[in-house]
N, C-alpha and C. Protein backbone atom coordinates (compact mmCIF):
# COMPACT_ATOMS: atom_id res chain seq x y z
N MET A 1 21.82 -9.96 21.34
CA MET A 1 22.86 -9.44 20.46
C MET A 1 22.29 -8.25 19.70
N GLU A 2 23.08 -7.22 19.54
CA GLU A 2 22.67 -6.07 18.73
C GLU A 2 23.28 -6.18 17.34
N CYS A 3 22.62 -5.58 16.37
CA CYS A 3 23.16 -5.58 15.01
C CYS A 3 24.54 -4.97 14.99
N ARG A 4 25.37 -5.52 14.12
CA ARG A 4 26.72 -5.00 13.92
C ARG A 4 26.62 -3.79 13.00
N ALA A 5 27.04 -2.65 13.46
CA ALA A 5 26.95 -1.41 12.67
C ALA A 5 27.64 -1.58 11.32
N GLY A 6 26.94 -1.20 10.27
CA GLY A 6 27.51 -1.24 8.93
C GLY A 6 27.59 -2.61 8.30
N CYS A 7 26.94 -3.60 8.88
CA CYS A 7 27.01 -4.97 8.35
C CYS A 7 26.14 -5.12 7.10
N GLY A 8 24.83 -5.06 7.27
CA GLY A 8 23.91 -5.16 6.15
C GLY A 8 23.72 -6.55 5.57
N ALA A 9 24.33 -7.56 6.17
CA ALA A 9 24.21 -8.92 5.63
C ALA A 9 22.76 -9.38 5.53
N CYS A 10 21.93 -8.99 6.50
CA CYS A 10 20.53 -9.40 6.48
C CYS A 10 19.74 -8.71 5.37
N CYS A 11 20.33 -7.71 4.73
CA CYS A 11 19.69 -7.01 3.62
C CYS A 11 20.28 -7.45 2.27
N ILE A 12 21.19 -8.40 2.32
CA ILE A 12 21.84 -8.90 1.11
C ILE A 12 21.59 -10.40 0.94
N ALA A 13 21.92 -11.19 1.94
CA ALA A 13 21.94 -12.65 1.81
C ALA A 13 20.57 -13.30 1.63
N PRO A 14 19.55 -12.94 2.40
CA PRO A 14 18.29 -13.68 2.26
C PRO A 14 17.43 -13.19 1.10
N SER A 15 16.56 -14.09 0.65
CA SER A 15 15.54 -13.66 -0.30
C SER A 15 14.40 -13.02 0.49
N ILE A 16 13.71 -12.10 -0.15
CA ILE A 16 12.52 -11.49 0.44
C ILE A 16 11.43 -11.65 -0.61
N ASN A 17 10.39 -12.37 -0.25
CA ASN A 17 9.37 -12.76 -1.23
C ASN A 17 8.14 -11.89 -1.22
N THR A 18 8.21 -10.76 -0.55
CA THR A 18 7.06 -9.85 -0.54
C THR A 18 7.46 -8.51 -1.15
N ALA A 19 6.46 -7.81 -1.63
CA ALA A 19 6.70 -6.51 -2.25
C ALA A 19 7.16 -5.48 -1.22
N MET A 20 7.96 -4.55 -1.71
CA MET A 20 8.37 -3.39 -0.92
C MET A 20 8.55 -2.24 -1.89
N PRO A 21 8.67 -1.01 -1.42
CA PRO A 21 8.82 0.11 -2.34
C PRO A 21 9.97 -0.11 -3.34
N ASP A 22 9.68 0.13 -4.59
CA ASP A 22 10.64 0.01 -5.70
C ASP A 22 11.11 -1.42 -5.95
N MET A 23 10.57 -2.38 -5.25
CA MET A 23 10.91 -3.80 -5.44
C MET A 23 9.61 -4.60 -5.33
N PRO A 24 8.74 -4.50 -6.34
CA PRO A 24 7.41 -5.10 -6.24
C PRO A 24 7.41 -6.63 -6.13
N HIS A 25 8.50 -7.27 -6.51
CA HIS A 25 8.59 -8.72 -6.43
C HIS A 25 9.55 -9.17 -5.34
N GLY A 26 9.91 -8.27 -4.46
CA GLY A 26 10.87 -8.60 -3.42
C GLY A 26 12.28 -8.63 -3.99
N LYS A 27 13.14 -9.49 -3.43
CA LYS A 27 14.51 -9.59 -3.93
C LYS A 27 15.01 -11.01 -3.80
N ALA A 28 15.90 -11.36 -4.66
CA ALA A 28 16.50 -12.70 -4.64
C ALA A 28 17.61 -12.76 -3.59
N ALA A 29 17.89 -13.95 -3.13
CA ALA A 29 18.99 -14.17 -2.19
C ALA A 29 20.30 -13.71 -2.83
N GLY A 30 21.12 -13.04 -2.05
CA GLY A 30 22.42 -12.58 -2.53
C GLY A 30 22.39 -11.25 -3.26
N VAL A 31 21.20 -10.68 -3.42
CA VAL A 31 21.04 -9.40 -4.10
C VAL A 31 20.91 -8.30 -3.03
N ARG A 32 21.68 -7.26 -3.19
CA ARG A 32 21.63 -6.14 -2.25
C ARG A 32 20.28 -5.43 -2.37
N CYS A 33 19.61 -5.23 -1.26
CA CYS A 33 18.33 -4.52 -1.26
C CYS A 33 18.56 -3.07 -1.70
N LEU A 34 17.64 -2.55 -2.49
CA LEU A 34 17.73 -1.17 -2.96
C LEU A 34 17.64 -0.16 -1.82
N HIS A 35 17.12 -0.59 -0.68
CA HIS A 35 16.92 0.31 0.46
C HIS A 35 18.08 0.29 1.46
N LEU A 36 19.14 -0.40 1.11
CA LEU A 36 20.34 -0.42 1.94
C LEU A 36 21.24 0.72 1.47
N ASP A 37 21.50 1.67 2.36
CA ASP A 37 22.27 2.85 1.95
C ASP A 37 23.77 2.59 1.92
N GLU A 38 24.55 3.61 1.61
CA GLU A 38 26.01 3.47 1.47
C GLU A 38 26.69 3.11 2.79
N ASN A 39 26.02 3.29 3.90
CA ASN A 39 26.55 2.90 5.21
C ASN A 39 25.99 1.56 5.67
N ASN A 40 25.33 0.85 4.75
CA ASN A 40 24.69 -0.44 5.04
C ASN A 40 23.62 -0.33 6.12
N LEU A 41 22.86 0.74 6.07
CA LEU A 41 21.73 0.93 6.97
C LEU A 41 20.44 0.90 6.16
N CYS A 42 19.40 0.30 6.73
CA CYS A 42 18.12 0.17 6.04
C CYS A 42 17.38 1.50 6.04
N GLN A 43 17.05 1.98 4.86
CA GLN A 43 16.29 3.22 4.74
C GLN A 43 14.81 3.04 5.06
N LEU A 44 14.36 1.79 5.17
CA LEU A 44 12.96 1.52 5.51
C LEU A 44 12.78 1.23 7.00
N PHE A 45 13.87 1.18 7.75
CA PHE A 45 13.79 0.84 9.17
C PHE A 45 12.82 1.77 9.88
N GLY A 46 11.89 1.17 10.63
CA GLY A 46 10.91 1.94 11.38
C GLY A 46 9.73 2.42 10.57
N GLN A 47 9.70 2.14 9.27
CA GLN A 47 8.60 2.59 8.42
C GLN A 47 7.60 1.46 8.19
N GLN A 48 6.37 1.83 7.94
CA GLN A 48 5.31 0.87 7.68
C GLN A 48 5.62 0.01 6.45
N ALA A 49 6.31 0.55 5.46
CA ALA A 49 6.60 -0.15 4.22
C ALA A 49 7.66 -1.24 4.37
N ARG A 50 8.32 -1.30 5.51
CA ARG A 50 9.35 -2.32 5.72
C ARG A 50 8.69 -3.70 5.72
N PRO A 51 9.24 -4.65 4.95
CA PRO A 51 8.63 -5.98 4.87
C PRO A 51 8.58 -6.68 6.23
N ARG A 52 7.56 -7.50 6.40
CA ARG A 52 7.39 -8.26 7.64
C ARG A 52 8.63 -9.10 7.95
N PHE A 53 9.19 -9.73 6.92
CA PHE A 53 10.40 -10.54 7.09
C PHE A 53 11.49 -9.73 7.79
N CYS A 54 11.67 -8.51 7.36
CA CYS A 54 12.70 -7.64 7.92
C CYS A 54 12.36 -7.21 9.35
N LYS A 55 11.09 -6.90 9.57
CA LYS A 55 10.65 -6.49 10.91
C LYS A 55 10.86 -7.59 11.93
N GLU A 56 10.71 -8.83 11.49
CA GLU A 56 10.81 -9.97 12.41
C GLU A 56 12.23 -10.49 12.60
N PHE A 57 13.14 -10.06 11.75
CA PHE A 57 14.53 -10.52 11.88
C PHE A 57 15.16 -9.90 13.13
N SER A 58 15.87 -10.73 13.87
CA SER A 58 16.63 -10.19 15.00
C SER A 58 18.03 -10.78 14.97
N ALA A 59 18.98 -9.96 15.27
CA ALA A 59 20.38 -10.38 15.27
C ALA A 59 20.59 -11.46 16.33
N GLN A 60 21.15 -12.56 15.90
CA GLN A 60 21.48 -13.68 16.79
C GLN A 60 22.86 -14.19 16.39
N GLU A 61 23.63 -14.66 17.33
CA GLU A 61 24.98 -15.13 17.02
C GLU A 61 24.99 -16.25 15.98
N TYR A 62 24.01 -17.16 16.05
CA TYR A 62 24.00 -18.28 15.09
C TYR A 62 23.71 -17.81 13.66
N VAL A 63 23.17 -16.61 13.52
CA VAL A 63 22.89 -16.04 12.19
C VAL A 63 23.96 -15.04 11.78
N CYS A 64 24.41 -14.24 12.73
CA CYS A 64 25.31 -13.13 12.43
C CYS A 64 26.80 -13.47 12.60
N GLY A 65 27.10 -14.52 13.33
CA GLY A 65 28.50 -14.89 13.52
C GLY A 65 29.30 -13.78 14.18
N THR A 66 30.56 -13.69 13.79
CA THR A 66 31.45 -12.71 14.41
C THR A 66 31.91 -11.62 13.45
N SER A 67 31.42 -11.65 12.20
CA SER A 67 31.81 -10.64 11.22
C SER A 67 30.76 -10.56 10.12
N LYS A 68 30.85 -9.53 9.31
CA LYS A 68 29.93 -9.38 8.18
C LYS A 68 30.08 -10.56 7.22
N ASP A 69 31.32 -10.94 6.93
CA ASP A 69 31.55 -12.06 6.00
C ASP A 69 30.94 -13.36 6.53
N GLU A 70 31.10 -13.59 7.83
CA GLU A 70 30.52 -14.79 8.42
C GLU A 70 29.00 -14.72 8.39
N ALA A 71 28.44 -13.55 8.64
CA ALA A 71 26.98 -13.38 8.59
C ALA A 71 26.46 -13.67 7.18
N LEU A 72 27.14 -13.18 6.17
CA LEU A 72 26.73 -13.45 4.79
C LEU A 72 26.72 -14.95 4.51
N GLN A 73 27.74 -15.65 4.98
CA GLN A 73 27.83 -17.10 4.77
C GLN A 73 26.73 -17.84 5.54
N LEU A 74 26.54 -17.47 6.80
CA LEU A 74 25.53 -18.15 7.62
C LEU A 74 24.12 -17.93 7.09
N ILE A 75 23.81 -16.70 6.73
CA ILE A 75 22.47 -16.41 6.22
C ILE A 75 22.25 -17.09 4.86
N ALA A 76 23.27 -17.13 4.02
CA ALA A 76 23.16 -17.82 2.73
C ALA A 76 22.92 -19.32 2.96
N TRP A 77 23.61 -19.90 3.93
CA TRP A 77 23.42 -21.31 4.24
C TRP A 77 21.99 -21.55 4.74
N LEU A 78 21.51 -20.70 5.64
CA LEU A 78 20.14 -20.83 6.14
C LEU A 78 19.12 -20.68 5.03
N GLU A 79 19.40 -19.80 4.10
CA GLU A 79 18.50 -19.59 2.94
C GLU A 79 18.35 -20.90 2.16
N VAL A 80 19.45 -21.56 1.90
CA VAL A 80 19.41 -22.83 1.16
C VAL A 80 18.69 -23.91 1.96
N GLN A 81 18.95 -23.97 3.24
CA GLN A 81 18.37 -25.01 4.09
C GLN A 81 16.87 -24.87 4.29
N THR A 82 16.37 -23.65 4.18
CA THR A 82 14.94 -23.42 4.45
C THR A 82 14.10 -23.26 3.20
N ASN A 83 14.69 -23.41 2.06
CA ASN A 83 13.91 -23.31 0.81
C ASN A 83 13.86 -24.63 0.09
């Protein structure tokens, strides 16, 4: 599965517990990453500063569902289940 253009759910729903530029403590679940632009594209994509968590994420139907709203719900549910 390829990422859904303009979704950005993976940059909003999960927590990121490692430092990244301008976010030295990472980000809390449900908080929009500062590096997500107005088109919901990651400004750190392909850069060394991109967190490992983000580099290892891959779009999968069980995580992304069929829409941005469903992806936000699924990732939020997974966040709760794995913490």
